[in-house]
Amino acid sequence: MLGAIINADQKRKALLKMRDALGITRSRIIGIGDGANDLKFMAESGVSVAYHAKPIVREKATHAINFVNLDGVLHLFHQ
């Protein structure tokens, strides 16, 4: 196995670093995750999507997708 294991804090840090590099606000971020280790970066997102996720993630997310593919996220924002 190569590389480091990425934990919840590192995921959050990476999201914040990318946000700052792009100069965008929290409200412009969509965070998608499936496990408890995604909750920290999802909390930094304007919208969070639980994708075929564990119950705790579905509970805390803005939206949950359980029965369609990831492209189902597009339908949440299509006008």
PDB file of N, CA and C in Angstrom:
ATOM      1  N   MET A   1       0.840  -1.171   0.000  1.00  0.00           N
ATOM      2  CA  MET A   1       0.000   0.000   0.000  1.00  0.00           C
ATOM      3  C   MET A   1       0.889   1.239   0.000  1.00  0.00           C
ATOM      4  N   LEU A   2       0.562   2.172  -0.826  1.00  0.00           N
ATOM      5  CA  LEU A   2       1.310   3.420  -0.917  1.00  0.00           C
ATOM      6  C   LEU A   2       0.455   4.585  -0.466  1.00  0.00           C
ATOM      7  N   GLY A   3       1.107   5.606   0.054  1.00  0.00           N
ATOM      8  CA  GLY A   3       0.394   6.815   0.441  1.00  0.00           C
ATOM      9  C   GLY A   3      -0.122   6.760   1.859  1.00  0.00           C
ATOM     10  N   ALA A   4      -0.664   7.868   2.266  1.00  0.00           N
ATOM     11  CA  ALA A   4      -1.172   8.005   3.635  1.00  0.00           C
ATOM     12  C   ALA A   4      -2.666   7.743   3.678  1.00  0.00           C
ATOM     13  N   ILE A   5      -3.117   7.344   4.838  1.00  0.00           N
ATOM     14  CA  ILE A   5      -4.555   7.200   5.061  1.00  0.00           C
ATOM     15  C   ILE A   5      -5.102   8.601   5.330  1.00  0.00           C
ATOM     16  N   ILE A   6      -6.166   8.948   4.639  1.00  0.00           N
ATOM     17  CA  ILE A   6      -6.763  10.277   4.772  1.00  0.00           C
ATOM     18  C   ILE A   6      -7.924  10.192   5.757  1.00  0.00           C
ATOM     19  N   ASN A   7      -7.835  10.977   6.818  1.00  0.00           N
ATOM     20  CA  ASN A   7      -8.901  10.953   7.827  1.00  0.00           C
ATOM     21  C   ASN A   7      -9.818  12.166   7.674  1.00  0.00           C
ATOM     22  N   ALA A   8     -10.780  12.261   8.564  1.00  0.00           N
ATOM     23  CA  ALA A   8     -11.794  13.320   8.490  1.00  0.00           C
ATOM     24  C   ALA A   8     -11.185  14.713   8.540  1.00  0.00           C
ATOM     25  N   ASP A   9     -10.197  14.909   9.409  1.00  0.00           N
ATOM     26  CA  ASP A   9      -9.581  16.235   9.527  1.00  0.00           C
ATOM     27  C   ASP A   9      -8.824  16.617   8.259  1.00  0.00           C
ATOM     28  N   GLN A  10      -8.152  15.650   7.646  1.00  0.00           N
ATOM     29  CA  GLN A  10      -7.414  15.933   6.414  1.00  0.00           C
ATOM     30  C   GLN A  10      -8.371  16.230   5.257  1.00  0.00           C
ATOM     31  N   LYS A  11      -9.498  15.539   5.217  1.00  0.00           N
ATOM     32  CA  LYS A  11     -10.491  15.820   4.176  1.00  0.00           C
ATOM     33  C   LYS A  11     -11.021  17.244   4.331  1.00  0.00           C
ATOM     34  N   ARG A  12     -11.321  17.631   5.561  1.00  0.00           N
ATOM     35  CA  ARG A  12     -11.816  18.981   5.833  1.00  0.00           C
ATOM     36  C   ARG A  12     -10.780  20.022   5.430  1.00  0.00           C
ATOM     37  N   LYS A  13      -9.529  19.791   5.807  1.00  0.00           N
ATOM     38  CA  LYS A  13      -8.448  20.719   5.474  1.00  0.00           C
ATOM     39  C   LYS A  13      -8.294  20.867   3.966  1.00  0.00           C
ATOM     40  N   ALA A  14      -8.375  19.755   3.254  1.00  0.00           N
ATOM     41  CA  ALA A  14      -8.248  19.794   1.793  1.00  0.00           C
ATOM     42  C   ALA A  14      -9.382  20.609   1.173  1.00  0.00           C
ATOM     43  N   LEU A  15     -10.595  20.440   1.686  1.00  0.00           N
ATOM     44  CA  LEU A  15     -11.730  21.207   1.174  1.00  0.00           C
ATOM     45  C   LEU A  15     -11.526  22.701   1.421  1.00  0.00           C
ATOM     46  N   LEU A  16     -11.106  23.061   2.630  1.00  0.00           N
ATOM     47  CA  LEU A  16     -10.902  24.476   2.958  1.00  0.00           C
ATOM     48  C   LEU A  16      -9.773  25.076   2.118  1.00  0.00           C
ATOM     49  N   LYS A  17      -8.725  24.305   1.893  1.00  0.00           N
ATOM     50  CA  LYS A  17      -7.612  24.777   1.069  1.00  0.00           C
ATOM     51  C   LYS A  17      -8.079  25.039  -0.360  1.00  0.00           C
ATOM     52  N   MET A  18      -8.864  24.130  -0.907  1.00  0.00           N
ATOM     53  CA  MET A  18      -9.377  24.302  -2.275  1.00  0.00           C
ATOM     54  C   MET A  18     -10.343  25.486  -2.336  1.00  0.00           C
ATOM     55  N   ARG A  19     -11.200  25.614  -1.330  1.00  0.00           N
ATOM     56  CA  ARG A  19     -12.131  26.749  -1.275  1.00  0.00           C
ATOM     57  C   ARG A  19     -11.373  28.067  -1.318  1.00  0.00           C
ATOM     58  N   ASP A  20     -10.336  28.155  -0.481  1.00  0.00           N
ATOM     59  CA  ASP A  20      -9.559  29.396  -0.420  1.00  0.00           C
ATOM     60  C   ASP A  20      -8.791  29.643  -1.716  1.00  0.00           C
ATOM     61  N   ALA A  21      -8.240  28.578  -2.297  1.00  0.00           N
ATOM     62  CA  ALA A  21      -7.482  28.718  -3.550  1.00  0.00           C
ATOM     63  C   ALA A  21      -8.391  29.204  -4.684  1.00  0.00           C
ATOM     64  N   LEU A  22      -9.627  28.751  -4.675  1.00  0.00           N
ATOM     65  CA  LEU A  22     -10.579  29.144  -5.718  1.00  0.00           C
ATOM     66  C   LEU A  22     -11.290  30.457  -5.394  1.00  0.00           C
ATOM     67  N   GLY A  23     -11.168  30.900  -4.147  1.00  0.00           N
ATOM     68  CA  GLY A  23     -11.811  32.147  -3.739  1.00  0.00           C
ATOM     69  C   GLY A  23     -13.328  32.069  -3.732  1.00  0.00           C
ATOM     70  N   ILE A  24     -13.861  30.925  -3.332  1.00  0.00           N
ATOM     71  CA  ILE A  24     -15.314  30.770  -3.304  1.00  0.00           C
ATOM     72  C   ILE A  24     -15.823  30.747  -1.866  1.00  0.00           C
ATOM     73  N   THR A  25     -17.098  30.970  -1.724  1.00  0.00           N
ATOM     74  CA  THR A  25     -17.703  30.959  -0.394  1.00  0.00           C
ATOM     75  C   THR A  25     -18.293  29.577  -0.095  1.00  0.00           C
ATOM     76  N   ARG A  26     -18.553  29.360   1.160  1.00  0.00           N
ATOM     77  CA  ARG A  26     -19.138  28.100   1.628  1.00  0.00           C
ATOM     78  C   ARG A  26     -20.423  27.772   0.878  1.00  0.00           C
ATOM     79  N   SER A  27     -21.203  28.785   0.591  1.00  0.00           N
ATOM     80  CA  SER A  27     -22.500  28.572  -0.058  1.00  0.00           C
ATOM     81  C   SER A  27     -22.374  27.991  -1.468  1.00  0.00           C
ATOM     82  N   ARG A  28     -21.187  28.062  -2.061  1.00  0.00           N
ATOM     83  CA  ARG A  28     -20.970  27.556  -3.424  1.00  0.00           C
ATOM     84  C   ARG A  28     -20.420  26.127  -3.439  1.00  0.00           C
ATOM     85  N   ILE A  29     -20.306  25.504  -2.258  1.00  0.00           N
ATOM     86  CA  ILE A  29     -19.702  24.175  -2.158  1.00  0.00           C
ATOM     87  C   ILE A  29     -20.780  23.114  -1.954  1.00  0.00           C
ATOM     88  N   ILE A  30     -20.687  22.048  -2.729  1.00  0.00           N
ATOM     89  CA  ILE A  30     -21.526  20.868  -2.545  1.00  0.00           C
ATOM     90  C   ILE A  30     -20.610  19.747  -2.077  1.00  0.00           C
ATOM     91  N   GLY A  31     -20.828  19.272  -0.868  1.00  0.00           N
ATOM     92  CA  GLY A  31     -20.022  18.178  -0.321  1.00  0.00           C
ATOM     93  C   GLY A  31     -20.815  16.882  -0.393  1.00  0.00           C
ATOM     94  N   ILE A  32     -20.197  15.839  -0.927  1.00  0.00           N
ATOM     95  CA  ILE A  32     -20.865  14.547  -1.085  1.00  0.00           C
ATOM     96  C   ILE A  32     -20.063  13.494  -0.345  1.00  0.00           C
ATOM     97  N   GLY A  33     -20.745  12.750   0.523  1.00  0.00           N
ATOM     98  CA  GLY A  33     -20.046  11.717   1.272  1.00  0.00           C
ATOM     99  C   GLY A  33     -20.937  10.562   1.642  1.00  0.00           C
ATOM    100  N   ASP A  34     -20.304   9.514   2.180  1.00  0.00           N
ATOM    101  CA  ASP A  34     -21.077   8.321   2.532  1.00  0.00           C
ATOM    102  C   ASP A  34     -20.807   7.800   3.935  1.00  0.00           C
ATOM    103  N   GLY A  35     -19.725   8.242   4.562  1.00  0.00           N
ATOM    104  CA  GLY A  35     -19.385   7.707   5.877  1.00  0.00           C
ATOM    105  C   GLY A  35     -19.121   8.797   6.888  1.00  0.00           C
ATOM    106  N   ALA A  36     -19.018   8.411   8.138  1.00  0.00           N
ATOM    107  CA  ALA A  36     -18.831   9.368   9.226  1.00  0.00           C
ATOM    108  C   ALA A  36     -17.564  10.210   9.049  1.00  0.00           C
ATOM    109  N   ASN A  37     -16.554   9.660   8.382  1.00  0.00           N
ATOM    110  CA  ASN A  37     -15.328  10.440   8.187  1.00  0.00           C
ATOM    111  C   ASN A  37     -15.509  11.555   7.157  1.00  0.00           C
ATOM    112  N   ASP A  38     -16.663  11.659   6.553  1.00  0.00           N
ATOM    113  CA  ASP A  38     -16.967  12.737   5.605  1.00  0.00           C
ATOM    114  C   ASP A  38     -17.730  13.892   6.259  1.00  0.00           C
ATOM    115  N   LEU A  39     -18.203  13.701   7.466  1.00  0.00           N
ATOM    116  CA  LEU A  39     -19.068  14.696   8.101  1.00  0.00           C
ATOM    117  C   LEU A  39     -18.390  16.045   8.318  1.00  0.00           C
ATOM    118  N   LYS A  40     -17.107  16.048   8.610  1.00  0.00           N
ATOM    119  CA  LYS A  40     -16.430  17.328   8.866  1.00  0.00           C
ATOM    120  C   LYS A  40     -16.362  18.194   7.615  1.00  0.00           C
ATOM    121  N   PHE A  41     -16.034  17.593   6.467  1.00  0.00           N
ATOM    122  CA  PHE A  41     -16.000  18.433   5.263  1.00  0.00           C
ATOM    123  C   PHE A  41     -17.404  18.736   4.773  1.00  0.00           C
ATOM    124  N   MET A  42     -18.332  17.835   4.992  1.00  0.00           N
ATOM    125  CA  MET A  42     -19.716  18.111   4.594  1.00  0.00           C
ATOM    126  C   MET A  42     -20.280  19.279   5.392  1.00  0.00           C
ATOM    127  N   ALA A  43     -19.851  19.410   6.644  1.00  0.00           N
ATOM    128  CA  ALA A  43     -20.309  20.523   7.487  1.00  0.00           C
ATOM    129  C   ALA A  43     -19.779  21.867   6.984  1.00  0.00           C
ATOM    130  N   GLU A  44     -18.709  21.851   6.212  1.00  0.00           N
ATOM    131  CA  GLU A  44     -18.131  23.072   5.642  1.00  0.00           C
ATOM    132  C   GLU A  44     -18.748  23.421   4.290  1.00  0.00           C
ATOM    133  N   SER A  45     -19.679  22.610   3.832  1.00  0.00           N
ATOM    134  CA  SER A  45     -20.309  22.797   2.532  1.00  0.00           C
ATOM    135  C   SER A  45     -21.639  23.518   2.666  1.00  0.00           C
ATOM    136  N   GLY A  46     -21.960  24.327   1.685  1.00  0.00           N
ATOM    137  CA  GLY A  46     -23.250  25.003   1.688  1.00  0.00           C
ATOM    138  C   GLY A  46     -24.394  24.007   1.566  1.00  0.00           C
ATOM    139  N   VAL A  47     -24.175  22.971   0.786  1.00  0.00           N
ATOM    140  CA  VAL A  47     -25.135  21.877   0.605  1.00  0.00           C
ATOM    141  C   VAL A  47     -24.364  20.581   0.774  1.00  0.00           C
ATOM    142  N   SER A  48     -24.937  19.660   1.535  1.00  0.00           N
ATOM    143  CA  SER A  48     -24.291  18.361   1.698  1.00  0.00           C
ATOM    144  C   SER A  48     -25.225  17.262   1.206  1.00  0.00           C
ATOM    145  N   VAL A  49     -24.631  16.262   0.560  1.00  0.00           N
ATOM    146  CA  VAL A  49     -25.398  15.161  -0.006  1.00  0.00           C
ATOM    147  C   VAL A  49     -24.846  13.848   0.533  1.00  0.00           C
ATOM    148  N   ALA A  50     -25.711  13.083   1.155  1.00  0.00           N
ATOM    149  CA  ALA A  50     -25.355  11.741   1.605  1.00  0.00           C
ATOM    150  C   ALA A  50     -25.629  10.802   0.440  1.00  0.00           C
ATOM    151  N   TYR A  51     -24.592  10.141  -0.046  1.00  0.00           N
ATOM    152  CA  TYR A  51     -24.726   9.284  -1.219  1.00  0.00           C
ATOM    153  C   TYR A  51     -24.611   7.817  -0.805  1.00  0.00           C
ATOM    154  N   HIS A  52     -25.741   7.103  -0.852  1.00  0.00           N
ATOM    155  CA  HIS A  52     -25.782   5.705  -0.398  1.00  0.00           C
ATOM    156  C   HIS A  52     -25.033   5.593   0.931  1.00  0.00           C
ATOM    157  N   ALA A  53     -25.376   6.469   1.839  1.00  0.00           N
ATOM    158  CA  ALA A  53     -24.588   6.704   3.043  1.00  0.00           C
ATOM    159  C   ALA A  53     -25.082   5.947   4.273  1.00  0.00           C
ATOM    160  N   LYS A  54     -24.226   5.954   5.255  1.00  0.00           N
ATOM    161  CA  LYS A  54     -24.556   5.404   6.568  1.00  0.00           C
ATOM    162  C   LYS A  54     -25.650   6.280   7.181  1.00  0.00           C
ATOM    163  N   PRO A  55     -26.457   5.723   8.090  1.00  0.00           N
ATOM    164  CA  PRO A  55     -27.560   6.481   8.690  1.00  0.00           C
ATOM    165  C   PRO A  55     -27.146   7.812   9.318  1.00  0.00           C
ATOM    166  N   ILE A  56     -26.029   7.861  10.018  1.00  0.00           N
ATOM    167  CA  ILE A  56     -25.609   9.110  10.668  1.00  0.00           C
ATOM    168  C   ILE A  56     -25.334  10.205   9.641  1.00  0.00           C
ATOM    169  N   VAL A  57     -24.832   9.821   8.486  1.00  0.00           N
ATOM    170  CA  VAL A  57     -24.547  10.806   7.429  1.00  0.00           C
ATOM    171  C   VAL A  57     -25.849  11.287   6.803  1.00  0.00           C
ATOM    172  N   ARG A  58     -26.757  10.366   6.533  1.00  0.00           N
ATOM    173  CA  ARG A  58     -28.066  10.759   5.978  1.00  0.00           C
ATOM    174  C   ARG A  58     -28.782  11.726   6.919  1.00  0.00           C
ATOM    175  N   GLU A  59     -28.657  11.480   8.200  1.00  0.00           N
ATOM    176  CA  GLU A  59     -29.315  12.301   9.220  1.00  0.00           C
ATOM    177  C   GLU A  59     -28.810  13.744   9.207  1.00  0.00           C
ATOM    178  N   LYS A  60     -27.532  13.921   8.951  1.00  0.00           N
ATOM    179  CA  LYS A  60     -26.925  15.246   9.041  1.00  0.00           C
ATOM    180  C   LYS A  60     -26.832  15.987   7.708  1.00  0.00           C
ATOM    181  N   ALA A  61     -27.056  15.302   6.615  1.00  0.00           N
ATOM    182  CA  ALA A  61     -26.912  15.912   5.291  1.00  0.00           C
ATOM    183  C   ALA A  61     -28.137  16.740   4.901  1.00  0.00           C
ATOM    184  N   THR A  62     -27.917  17.681   4.012  1.00  0.00           N
ATOM    185  CA  THR A  62     -29.014  18.479   3.456  1.00  0.00           C
ATOM    186  C   THR A  62     -29.928  17.602   2.617  1.00  0.00           C
ATOM    187  N   HIS A  63     -29.328  16.719   1.804  1.00  0.00           N
ATOM    188  CA  HIS A  63     -30.064  15.808   0.927  1.00  0.00           C
ATOM    189  C   HIS A  63     -29.452  14.418   1.045  1.00  0.00           C
ATOM    190  N   ALA A  64     -30.245  13.402   0.715  1.00  0.00           N
ATOM    191  CA  ALA A  64     -29.737  12.028   0.684  1.00  0.00           C
ATOM    192  C   ALA A  64     -30.176  11.362  -0.611  1.00  0.00           C
ATOM    193  N   ILE A  65     -29.238  10.678  -1.232  1.00  0.00           N
ATOM    194  CA  ILE A  65     -29.514   9.919  -2.452  1.00  0.00           C
ATOM    195  C   ILE A  65     -29.253   8.459  -2.121  1.00  0.00           C
ATOM    196  N   ASN A  66     -30.294   7.641  -2.245  1.00  0.00           N
ATOM    197  CA  ASN A  66     -30.165   6.238  -1.870  1.00  0.00           C
ATOM    198  C   ASN A  66     -30.451   5.263  -3.001  1.00  0.00           C
ATOM    199  N   PHE A  67     -31.152   5.696  -4.031  1.00  0.00           N
ATOM    200  CA  PHE A  67     -31.633   4.752  -5.037  1.00  0.00           C
ATOM    201  C   PHE A  67     -31.195   5.034  -6.459  1.00  0.00           C
ATOM    202  N   VAL A  68     -30.397   6.065  -6.673  1.00  0.00           N
ATOM    203  CA  VAL A  68     -29.938   6.390  -8.020  1.00  0.00           C
ATOM    204  C   VAL A  68     -28.416   6.527  -8.015  1.00  0.00           C
ATOM    205  N   ASN A  69     -27.853   6.667  -9.197  1.00  0.00           N
ATOM    206  CA  ASN A  69     -26.412   6.876  -9.327  1.00  0.00           C
ATOM    207  C   ASN A  69     -26.038   8.294  -8.920  1.00  0.00           C
ATOM    208  N   LEU A  70     -24.749   8.542  -8.891  1.00  0.00           N
ATOM    209  CA  LEU A  70     -24.248   9.851  -8.480  1.00  0.00           C
ATOM    210  C   LEU A  70     -24.769  10.983  -9.361  1.00  0.00           C
ATOM    211  N   ASP A  71     -25.099  10.695 -10.607  1.00  0.00           N
ATOM    212  CA  ASP A  71     -25.637  11.763 -11.450  1.00  0.00           C
ATOM    213  C   ASP A  71     -26.995  12.252 -10.948  1.00  0.00           C
ATOM    214  N   GLY A  72     -27.594  11.541 -10.012  1.00  0.00           N
ATOM    215  CA  GLY A  72     -28.824  12.002  -9.365  1.00  0.00           C
ATOM    216  C   GLY A  72     -28.639  13.336  -8.657  1.00  0.00           C
ATOM    217  N   VAL A  73     -27.397  13.658  -8.277  1.00  0.00           N
ATOM    218  CA  VAL A  73     -27.114  14.947  -7.638  1.00  0.00           C
ATOM    219  C   VAL A  73     -27.479  16.092  -8.578  1.00  0.00           C
ATOM    220  N   LEU A  74     -27.259  15.895  -9.861  1.00  0.00           N
ATOM    221  CA  LEU A  74     -27.566  16.950 -10.831  1.00  0.00           C
ATOM    222  C   LEU A  74     -29.037  17.330 -10.802  1.00  0.00           C
ATOM    223  N   HIS A  75     -29.895  16.353 -10.557  1.00  0.00           N
ATOM    224  CA  HIS A  75     -31.334  16.616 -10.531  1.00  0.00           C
ATOM    225  C   HIS A  75     -31.764  17.449  -9.331  1.00  0.00           C
ATOM    226  N   LEU A  76     -30.933  17.478  -8.296  1.00  0.00           N
ATOM    227  CA  LEU A  76     -31.234  18.323  -7.134  1.00  0.00           C
ATOM    228  C   LEU A  76     -31.134  19.796  -7.481  1.00  0.00           C
ATOM    229  N   PHE A  77     -30.301  20.123  -8.463  1.00  0.00           N
ATOM    230  CA  PHE A  77     -30.009  21.517  -8.764  1.00  0.00           C
ATOM    231  C   PHE A  77     -30.473  21.954 -10.146  1.00  0.00           C
ATOM    232  N   HIS A  78     -31.096  21.060 -10.873  1.00  0.00           N
ATOM    233  CA  HIS A  78     -31.594  21.376 -12.208  1.00  0.00           C
ATOM    234  C   HIS A  78     -32.858  22.221 -12.084  1.00  0.00           C
ATOM    235  N   GLN A  79     -32.922  23.297 -12.844  1.00  0.00           N
ATOM    236  CA  GLN A  79     -34.100  24.165 -12.783  1.00  0.00           C
ATOM    237  C   GLN A  79     -34.847  24.132 -14.069  1.00  0.00           C
TER     238      GLN A  79
END
